[in-house]
Amino acid sequence: MTTAWPDTAIKQMPFQALFYNVANSNGRDQVIKLQNDYYKHTHSLLPVVRLDLLANDQQIFSYHNEDQTTIPMLQRLQPHN
């Protein structure tokens, strides 16, 4: 039986982007969840790339701002004296 990767292994994987197929109705929601999970473990944000095999303009791979998750920026707190 194969075991799952330990949570720390994700930091060593050479991921460059996350992809989803527009033909999958849940694909966008699933990849945004994956993007958030990846960020929580690595503090790195991977871009989401849309895959559309039936694109009329033949741009099968495309980047769209609305496909990206919003990660709240942490504000540095100033120490109170």
PDB file of N, CA and C in Angstrom:
ATOM      1  N   MET A   1       0.836  -1.175   0.000  1.00  0.00           N
ATOM      2  CA  MET A   1       0.000   0.000   0.000  1.00  0.00           C
ATOM      3  C   MET A   1       0.885   1.244   0.000  1.00  0.00           C
ATOM      4  N   THR A   2       0.501   2.214  -0.770  1.00  0.00           N
ATOM      5  CA  THR A   2       1.233   3.467  -0.843  1.00  0.00           C
ATOM      6  C   THR A   2       0.689   4.433   0.202  1.00  0.00           C
ATOM      7  N   THR A   3       1.592   5.120   0.865  1.00  0.00           N
ATOM      8  CA  THR A   3       1.158   6.085   1.873  1.00  0.00           C
ATOM      9  C   THR A   3       1.098   7.481   1.266  1.00  0.00           C
ATOM     10  N   ALA A   4       0.354   8.347   1.894  1.00  0.00           N
ATOM     11  CA  ALA A   4       0.232   9.733   1.438  1.00  0.00           C
ATOM     12  C   ALA A   4       1.521  10.485   1.742  1.00  0.00           C
ATOM     13  N   TRP A   5       1.776  11.521   0.953  1.00  0.00           N
ATOM     14  CA  TRP A   5       2.928  12.376   1.230  1.00  0.00           C
ATOM     15  C   TRP A   5       2.728  13.061   2.563  1.00  0.00           C
ATOM     16  N   PRO A   6       3.798  13.277   3.296  1.00  0.00           N
ATOM     17  CA  PRO A   6       3.661  14.099   4.502  1.00  0.00           C
ATOM     18  C   PRO A   6       3.396  15.553   4.094  1.00  0.00           C
ATOM     19  N   ASP A   7       2.749  16.310   4.955  1.00  0.00           N
ATOM     20  CA  ASP A   7       2.415  17.705   4.647  1.00  0.00           C
ATOM     21  C   ASP A   7       3.638  18.533   4.272  1.00  0.00           C
ATOM     22  N   THR A   8       4.779  18.213   4.833  1.00  0.00           N
ATOM     23  CA  THR A   8       5.986  18.994   4.560  1.00  0.00           C
ATOM     24  C   THR A   8       6.550  18.740   3.162  1.00  0.00           C
ATOM     25  N   ALA A   9       6.180  17.655   2.517  1.00  0.00           N
ATOM     26  CA  ALA A   9       6.717  17.319   1.193  1.00  0.00           C
ATOM     27  C   ALA A   9       6.287  18.319   0.129  1.00  0.00           C
ATOM     28  N   ILE A  10       5.168  18.978   0.323  1.00  0.00           N
ATOM     29  CA  ILE A  10       4.667  19.907  -0.688  1.00  0.00           C
ATOM     30  C   ILE A  10       5.641  21.055  -0.942  1.00  0.00           C
ATOM     31  N   LYS A  11       6.406  21.430   0.062  1.00  0.00           N
ATOM     32  CA  LYS A  11       7.367  22.525  -0.094  1.00  0.00           C
ATOM     33  C   LYS A  11       8.519  22.136  -1.020  1.00  0.00           C
ATOM     34  N   GLN A  12       8.711  20.849  -1.230  1.00  0.00           N
ATOM     35  CA  GLN A  12       9.812  20.370  -2.061  1.00  0.00           C
ATOM     36  C   GLN A  12       9.378  20.070  -3.494  1.00  0.00           C
ATOM     37  N   MET A  13       8.092  20.137  -3.779  1.00  0.00           N
ATOM     38  CA  MET A  13       7.587  19.834  -5.116  1.00  0.00           C
ATOM     39  C   MET A  13       7.747  21.054  -6.029  1.00  0.00           C
ATOM     40  N   PRO A  14       8.162  20.844  -7.269  1.00  0.00           N
ATOM     41  CA  PRO A  14       8.413  21.975  -8.173  1.00  0.00           C
ATOM     42  C   PRO A  14       7.163  22.456  -8.918  1.00  0.00           C
ATOM     43  N   PHE A  15       6.086  22.711  -8.197  1.00  0.00           N
ATOM     44  CA  PHE A  15       4.867  23.194  -8.835  1.00  0.00           C
ATOM     45  C   PHE A  15       5.074  24.613  -9.358  1.00  0.00           C
ATOM     46  N   GLN A  16       4.531  24.900 -10.538  1.00  0.00           N
ATOM     47  CA  GLN A  16       4.635  26.226 -11.135  1.00  0.00           C
ATOM     48  C   GLN A  16       3.275  26.898 -11.276  1.00  0.00           C
ATOM     49  N   ALA A  17       2.221  26.103 -11.409  1.00  0.00           N
ATOM     50  CA  ALA A  17       0.870  26.639 -11.586  1.00  0.00           C
ATOM     51  C   ALA A  17      -0.137  25.537 -11.291  1.00  0.00           C
ATOM     52  N   LEU A  18      -1.385  25.955 -11.127  1.00  0.00           N
ATOM     53  CA  LEU A  18      -2.499  25.027 -10.962  1.00  0.00           C
ATOM     54  C   LEU A  18      -3.421  25.204 -12.160  1.00  0.00           C
ATOM     55  N   PHE A  19      -3.983  24.122 -12.655  1.00  0.00           N
ATOM     56  CA  PHE A  19      -4.811  24.158 -13.851  1.00  0.00           C
ATOM     57  C   PHE A  19      -6.199  23.617 -13.548  1.00  0.00           C
ATOM     58  N   TYR A  20      -7.188  24.142 -14.278  1.00  0.00           N
ATOM     59  CA  TYR A  20      -8.518  23.540 -14.227  1.00  0.00           C
ATOM     60  C   TYR A  20      -9.140  23.596 -15.609  1.00  0.00           C
ATOM     61  N   ASN A  21      -9.990  22.624 -15.878  1.00  0.00           N
ATOM     62  CA  ASN A  21     -10.664  22.507 -17.165  1.00  0.00           C
ATOM     63  C   ASN A  21     -12.043  23.154 -17.049  1.00  0.00           C
ATOM     64  N   VAL A  22     -12.351  24.101 -17.937  1.00  0.00           N
ATOM     65  CA  VAL A  22     -13.648  24.778 -17.877  1.00  0.00           C
ATOM     66  C   VAL A  22     -14.803  23.820 -18.151  1.00  0.00           C
ATOM     67  N   ALA A  23     -14.528  22.668 -18.747  1.00  0.00           N
ATOM     68  CA  ALA A  23     -15.577  21.680 -19.000  1.00  0.00           C
ATOM     69  C   ALA A  23     -16.059  21.024 -17.707  1.00  0.00           C
ATOM     70  N   ASN A  24     -15.264  21.103 -16.654  1.00  0.00           N
ATOM     71  CA  ASN A  24     -15.635  20.556 -15.349  1.00  0.00           C
ATOM     72  C   ASN A  24     -16.344  21.658 -14.567  1.00  0.00           C
ATOM     73  N   SER A  25     -17.617  21.487 -14.294  1.00  0.00           N
ATOM     74  CA  SER A  25     -18.411  22.545 -13.654  1.00  0.00           C
ATOM     75  C   SER A  25     -17.899  22.923 -12.267  1.00  0.00           C
ATOM     76  N   ASN A  26     -17.248  22.013 -11.568  1.00  0.00           N
ATOM     77  CA  ASN A  26     -16.702  22.310 -10.236  1.00  0.00           C
ATOM     78  C   ASN A  26     -15.214  22.629 -10.267  1.00  0.00           C
ATOM     79  N   GLY A  27     -14.624  22.621 -11.445  1.00  0.00           N
ATOM     80  CA  GLY A  27     -13.174  22.767 -11.565  1.00  0.00           C
ATOM     81  C   GLY A  27     -12.622  24.036 -10.956  1.00  0.00           C
ATOM     82  N   ARG A  28     -13.267  25.163 -11.224  1.00  0.00           N
ATOM     83  CA  ARG A  28     -12.764  26.443 -10.714  1.00  0.00           C
ATOM     84  C   ARG A  28     -12.804  26.474  -9.188  1.00  0.00           C
ATOM     85  N   ASP A  29     -13.909  26.061  -8.603  1.00  0.00           N
ATOM     86  CA  ASP A  29     -14.019  26.053  -7.139  1.00  0.00           C
ATOM     87  C   ASP A  29     -12.985  25.124  -6.512  1.00  0.00           C
ATOM     88  N   GLN A  30     -12.771  23.980  -7.137  1.00  0.00           N
ATOM     89  CA  GLN A  30     -11.806  23.018  -6.604  1.00  0.00           C
ATOM     90  C   GLN A  30     -10.379  23.549  -6.678  1.00  0.00           C
ATOM     91  N   VAL A  31     -10.031  24.204  -7.785  1.00  0.00           N
ATOM     92  CA  VAL A  31      -8.661  24.692  -7.923  1.00  0.00           C
ATOM     93  C   VAL A  31      -8.404  25.886  -7.004  1.00  0.00           C
ATOM     94  N   ILE A  32      -9.410  26.702  -6.748  1.00  0.00           N
ATOM     95  CA  ILE A  32      -9.231  27.812  -5.809  1.00  0.00           C
ATOM     96  C   ILE A  32      -9.028  27.275  -4.395  1.00  0.00           C
ATOM     97  N   LYS A  33      -9.753  26.220  -4.046  1.00  0.00           N
ATOM     98  CA  LYS A  33      -9.539  25.584  -2.738  1.00  0.00           C
ATOM     99  C   LYS A  33      -8.117  25.028  -2.660  1.00  0.00           C
ATOM    100  N   LEU A  34      -7.675  24.386  -3.727  1.00  0.00           N
ATOM    101  CA  LEU A  34      -6.316  23.844  -3.774  1.00  0.00           C
ATOM    102  C   LEU A  34      -5.283  24.968  -3.681  1.00  0.00           C
ATOM    103  N   GLN A  35      -5.543  26.083  -4.358  1.00  0.00           N
ATOM    104  CA  GLN A  35      -4.634  27.225  -4.303  1.00  0.00           C
ATOM    105  C   GLN A  35      -4.524  27.754  -2.870  1.00  0.00           C
ATOM    106  N   ASN A  36      -5.648  27.859  -2.182  1.00  0.00           N
ATOM    107  CA  ASN A  36      -5.641  28.305  -0.783  1.00  0.00           C
ATOM    108  C   ASN A  36      -4.896  27.321   0.114  1.00  0.00           C
ATOM    109  N   ASP A  37      -5.142  26.026  -0.065  1.00  0.00           N
ATOM    110  CA  ASP A  37      -4.459  25.008   0.739  1.00  0.00           C
ATOM    111  C   ASP A  37      -2.951  25.044   0.502  1.00  0.00           C
ATOM    112  N   TYR A  38      -2.563  25.191  -0.760  1.00  0.00           N
ATOM    113  CA  TYR A  38      -1.134  25.262  -1.082  1.00  0.00           C
ATOM    114  C   TYR A  38      -0.501  26.468  -0.392  1.00  0.00           C
ATOM    115  N   TYR A  39      -1.193  27.593  -0.434  1.00  0.00           N
ATOM    116  CA  TYR A  39      -0.671  28.800   0.212  1.00  0.00           C
ATOM    117  C   TYR A  39      -0.527  28.602   1.726  1.00  0.00           C
ATOM    118  N   LYS A  40      -1.510  27.969   2.347  1.00  0.00           N
ATOM    119  CA  LYS A  40      -1.455  27.742   3.797  1.00  0.00           C
ATOM    120  C   LYS A  40      -0.241  26.913   4.193  1.00  0.00           C
ATOM    121  N   HIS A  41       0.151  25.958   3.342  1.00  0.00           N
ATOM    122  CA  HIS A  41       1.275  25.079   3.664  1.00  0.00           C
ATOM    123  C   HIS A  41       2.631  25.659   3.272  1.00  0.00           C
ATOM    124  N   THR A  42       2.666  26.488   2.236  1.00  0.00           N
ATOM    125  CA  THR A  42       3.957  26.927   1.700  1.00  0.00           C
ATOM    126  C   THR A  42       4.197  28.428   1.792  1.00  0.00           C
ATOM    127  N   HIS A  43       3.155  29.204   1.996  1.00  0.00           N
ATOM    128  CA  HIS A  43       3.225  30.670   1.959  1.00  0.00           C
ATOM    129  C   HIS A  43       3.686  31.166   0.588  1.00  0.00           C
ATOM    130  N   SER A  44       3.430  30.364  -0.433  1.00  0.00           N
ATOM    131  CA  SER A  44       3.686  30.733  -1.827  1.00  0.00           C
ATOM    132  C   SER A  44       2.363  30.649  -2.573  1.00  0.00           C
ATOM    133  N   LEU A  45       2.173  31.547  -3.497  1.00  0.00           N
ATOM    134  CA  LEU A  45       0.925  31.586  -4.247  1.00  0.00           C
ATOM    135  C   LEU A  45       1.175  31.144  -5.680  1.00  0.00           C
ATOM    136  N   LEU A  46       0.526  30.062  -6.081  1.00  0.00           N
ATOM    137  CA  LEU A  46       0.634  29.573  -7.453  1.00  0.00           C
ATOM    138  C   LEU A  46      -0.487  30.175  -8.292  1.00  0.00           C
ATOM    139  N   PRO A  47      -0.202  30.564  -9.533  1.00  0.00           N
ATOM    140  CA  PRO A  47      -1.267  31.073 -10.390  1.00  0.00           C
ATOM    141  C   PRO A  47      -2.190  29.943 -10.849  1.00  0.00           C
ATOM    142  N   VAL A  48      -3.440  30.297 -11.079  1.00  0.00           N
ATOM    143  CA  VAL A  48      -4.411  29.359 -11.637  1.00  0.00           C
ATOM    144  C   VAL A  48      -4.500  29.627 -13.134  1.00  0.00           C
ATOM    145  N   VAL A  49      -4.391  28.567 -13.920  1.00  0.00           N
ATOM    146  CA  VAL A  49      -4.459  28.667 -15.373  1.00  0.00           C
ATOM    147  C   VAL A  49      -5.695  27.913 -15.846  1.00  0.00           C
ATOM    148  N   ARG A  50      -6.464  28.573 -16.685  1.00  0.00           N
ATOM    149  CA  ARG A  50      -7.696  27.992 -17.233  1.00  0.00           C
ATOM    150  C   ARG A  50      -7.360  27.170 -18.475  1.00  0.00           C
ATOM    151  N   LEU A  51      -7.927  25.982 -18.560  1.00  0.00           N
ATOM    152  CA  LEU A  51      -7.759  25.095 -19.711  1.00  0.00           C
ATOM    153  C   LEU A  51      -9.105  24.977 -20.414  1.00  0.00           C
ATOM    154  N   ASP A  52      -9.151  25.385 -21.688  1.00  0.00           N
ATOM    155  CA  ASP A  52     -10.390  25.320 -22.465  1.00  0.00           C
ATOM    156  C   ASP A  52     -10.078  24.694 -23.819  1.00  0.00           C
ATOM    157  N   LEU A  53     -10.306  23.393 -23.928  1.00  0.00           N
ATOM    158  CA  LEU A  53      -9.970  22.667 -25.151  1.00  0.00           C
ATOM    159  C   LEU A  53     -10.852  23.049 -26.333  1.00  0.00           C
ATOM    160  N   LEU A  54     -11.977  23.713 -26.067  1.00  0.00           N
ATOM    161  CA  LEU A  54     -12.892  24.111 -27.136  1.00  0.00           C
ATOM    162  C   LEU A  54     -12.872  25.621 -27.384  1.00  0.00           C
ATOM    163  N   ALA A  55     -11.834  26.303 -26.953  1.00  0.00           N
ATOM    164  CA  ALA A  55     -11.761  27.759 -27.090  1.00  0.00           C
ATOM    165  C   ALA A  55     -11.854  28.170 -28.554  1.00  0.00           C
ATOM    166  N   ASN A  56     -12.772  29.092 -28.844  1.00  0.00           N
ATOM    167  CA  ASN A  56     -12.953  29.572 -30.217  1.00  0.00           C
ATOM    168  C   ASN A  56     -11.720  30.296 -30.741  1.00  0.00           C
ATOM    169  N   ASP A  57     -11.004  30.976 -29.860  1.00  0.00           N
ATOM    170  CA  ASP A  57      -9.816  31.730 -30.283  1.00  0.00           C
ATOM    171  C   ASP A  57      -8.545  30.883 -30.242  1.00  0.00           C
ATOM    172  N   GLN A  58      -8.677  29.597 -29.957  1.00  0.00           N
ATOM    173  CA  GLN A  58      -7.587  28.621 -29.893  1.00  0.00           C
ATOM    174  C   GLN A  58      -6.578  28.924 -28.789  1.00  0.00           C
ATOM    175  N   GLN A  59      -6.958  29.755 -27.843  1.00  0.00           N
ATOM    176  CA  GLN A  59      -6.115  29.977 -26.670  1.00  0.00           C
ATOM    177  C   GLN A  59      -6.550  28.973 -25.605  1.00  0.00           C
ATOM    178  N   ILE A  60      -5.963  27.812 -25.683  1.00  0.00           N
ATOM    179  CA  ILE A  60      -6.354  26.708 -24.810  1.00  0.00           C
ATOM    180  C   ILE A  60      -6.004  27.015 -23.353  1.00  0.00           C
ATOM    181  N   PHE A  61      -4.852  27.607 -23.126  1.00  0.00           N
ATOM    182  CA  PHE A  61      -4.419  27.978 -21.784  1.00  0.00           C
ATOM    183  C   PHE A  61      -4.539  29.487 -21.641  1.00  0.00           C
ATOM    184  N   SER A  62      -5.152  29.941 -20.541  1.00  0.00           N
ATOM    185  CA  SER A  62      -5.280  31.380 -20.333  1.00  0.00           C
ATOM    186  C   SER A  62      -5.318  31.703 -18.843  1.00  0.00           C
ATOM    187  N   TYR A  63      -4.878  32.922 -18.538  1.00  0.00           N
ATOM    188  CA  TYR A  63      -4.858  33.435 -17.171  1.00  0.00           C
ATOM    189  C   TYR A  63      -5.965  34.468 -17.044  1.00  0.00           C
ATOM    190  N   HIS A  64      -6.738  34.371 -15.950  1.00  0.00           N
ATOM    191  CA  HIS A  64      -7.825  35.315 -15.700  1.00  0.00           C
ATOM    192  C   HIS A  64      -7.789  35.730 -14.233  1.00  0.00           C
ATOM    193  N   ASN A  65      -7.845  37.028 -13.994  1.00  0.00           N
ATOM    194  CA  ASN A  65      -7.819  37.530 -12.617  1.00  0.00           C
ATOM    195  C   ASN A  65      -8.934  36.931 -11.771  1.00  0.00           C
ATOM    196  N   GLU A  66     -10.104  36.744 -12.365  1.00  0.00           N
ATOM    197  CA  GLU A  66     -11.234  36.233 -11.588  1.00  0.00           C
ATOM    198  C   GLU A  66     -11.061  34.771 -11.163  1.00  0.00           C
ATOM    199  N   ASP A  67     -10.086  34.079 -11.728  1.00  0.00           N
ATOM    200  CA  ASP A  67      -9.806  32.696 -11.334  1.00  0.00           C
ATOM    201  C   ASP A  67      -8.823  32.606 -10.170  1.00  0.00           C
ATOM    202  N   GLN A  68      -8.282  33.721  -9.751  1.00  0.00           N
ATOM    203  CA  GLN A  68      -7.276  33.725  -8.692  1.00  0.00           C
ATOM    204  C   GLN A  68      -7.951  33.951  -7.346  1.00  0.00           C
ATOM    205  N   THR A  69      -7.409  33.352  -6.334  1.00  0.00           N
ATOM    206  CA  THR A  69      -7.914  33.554  -4.987  1.00  0.00           C
ATOM    207  C   THR A  69      -7.342  34.850  -4.426  1.00  0.00           C
ATOM    208  N   THR A  70      -7.961  35.358  -3.421  1.00  0.00           N
ATOM    209  CA  THR A  70      -7.459  36.548  -2.747  1.00  0.00           C
ATOM    210  C   THR A  70      -6.914  36.120  -1.399  1.00  0.00           C
ATOM    211  N   ILE A  71      -5.634  36.316  -1.214  1.00  0.00           N
ATOM    212  CA  ILE A  71      -4.989  35.997   0.054  1.00  0.00           C
ATOM    213  C   ILE A  71      -4.833  37.307   0.815  1.00  0.00           C
ATOM    214  N   PRO A  72      -5.441  37.417   1.984  1.00  0.00           N
ATOM    215  CA  PRO A  72      -5.299  38.669   2.732  1.00  0.00           C
ATOM    216  C   PRO A  72      -3.838  38.897   3.119  1.00  0.00           C
ATOM    217  N   MET A  73      -3.398  40.093   2.887  1.00  0.00           N
ATOM    218  CA  MET A  73      -2.022  40.441   3.242  1.00  0.00           C
ATOM    219  C   MET A  73      -1.943  40.658   4.745  1.00  0.00           C
ATOM    220  N   LEU A  74      -0.926  40.096   5.334  1.00  0.00           N
ATOM    221  CA  LEU A  74      -0.728  40.291   6.764  1.00  0.00           C
ATOM    222  C   LEU A  74      -0.072  41.640   6.979  1.00  0.00           C
ATOM    223  N   GLN A  75      -0.612  42.384   7.871  1.00  0.00           N
ATOM    224  CA  GLN A  75      -0.032  43.681   8.177  1.00  0.00           C
ATOM    225  C   GLN A  75       0.886  43.535   9.373  1.00  0.00           C
ATOM    226  N   ARG A  76       2.035  44.143   9.256  1.00  0.00           N
ATOM    227  CA  ARG A  76       2.992  44.102  10.355  1.00  0.00           C
ATOM    228  C   ARG A  76       2.491  45.030  11.458  1.00  0.00           C
ATOM    229  N   LEU A  77       2.377  44.490  12.625  1.00  0.00           N
ATOM    230  CA  LEU A  77       1.928  45.287  13.762  1.00  0.00           C
ATOM    231  C   LEU A  77       3.121  45.979  14.397  1.00  0.00           C
ATOM    232  N   GLN A  78       2.963  47.228  14.660  1.00  0.00           N
ATOM    233  CA  GLN A  78       4.010  47.989  15.333  1.00  0.00           C
ATOM    234  C   GLN A  78       3.903  47.730  16.834  1.00  0.00           C
ATOM    235  N   PRO A  79       5.019  47.454  17.483  1.00  0.00           N
ATOM    236  CA  PRO A  79       4.956  47.229  18.935  1.00  0.00           C
ATOM    237  C   PRO A  79       4.544  48.512  19.653  1.00  0.00           C
ATOM    238  N   HIS A  80       3.737  48.342  20.658  1.00  0.00           N
ATOM    239  CA  HIS A  80       3.308  49.489  21.469  1.00  0.00           C
ATOM    240  C   HIS A  80       4.324  49.718  22.570  1.00  0.00           C
ATOM    241  N   ASN A  81       4.743  50.944  22.721  1.00  0.00           N
ATOM    242  CA  ASN A  81       5.699  51.288  23.790  1.00  0.00           C
ATOM    243  C   ASN A  81       4.990  51.938  24.936  1.00  0.00           C
TER     244      ASN A  81
END
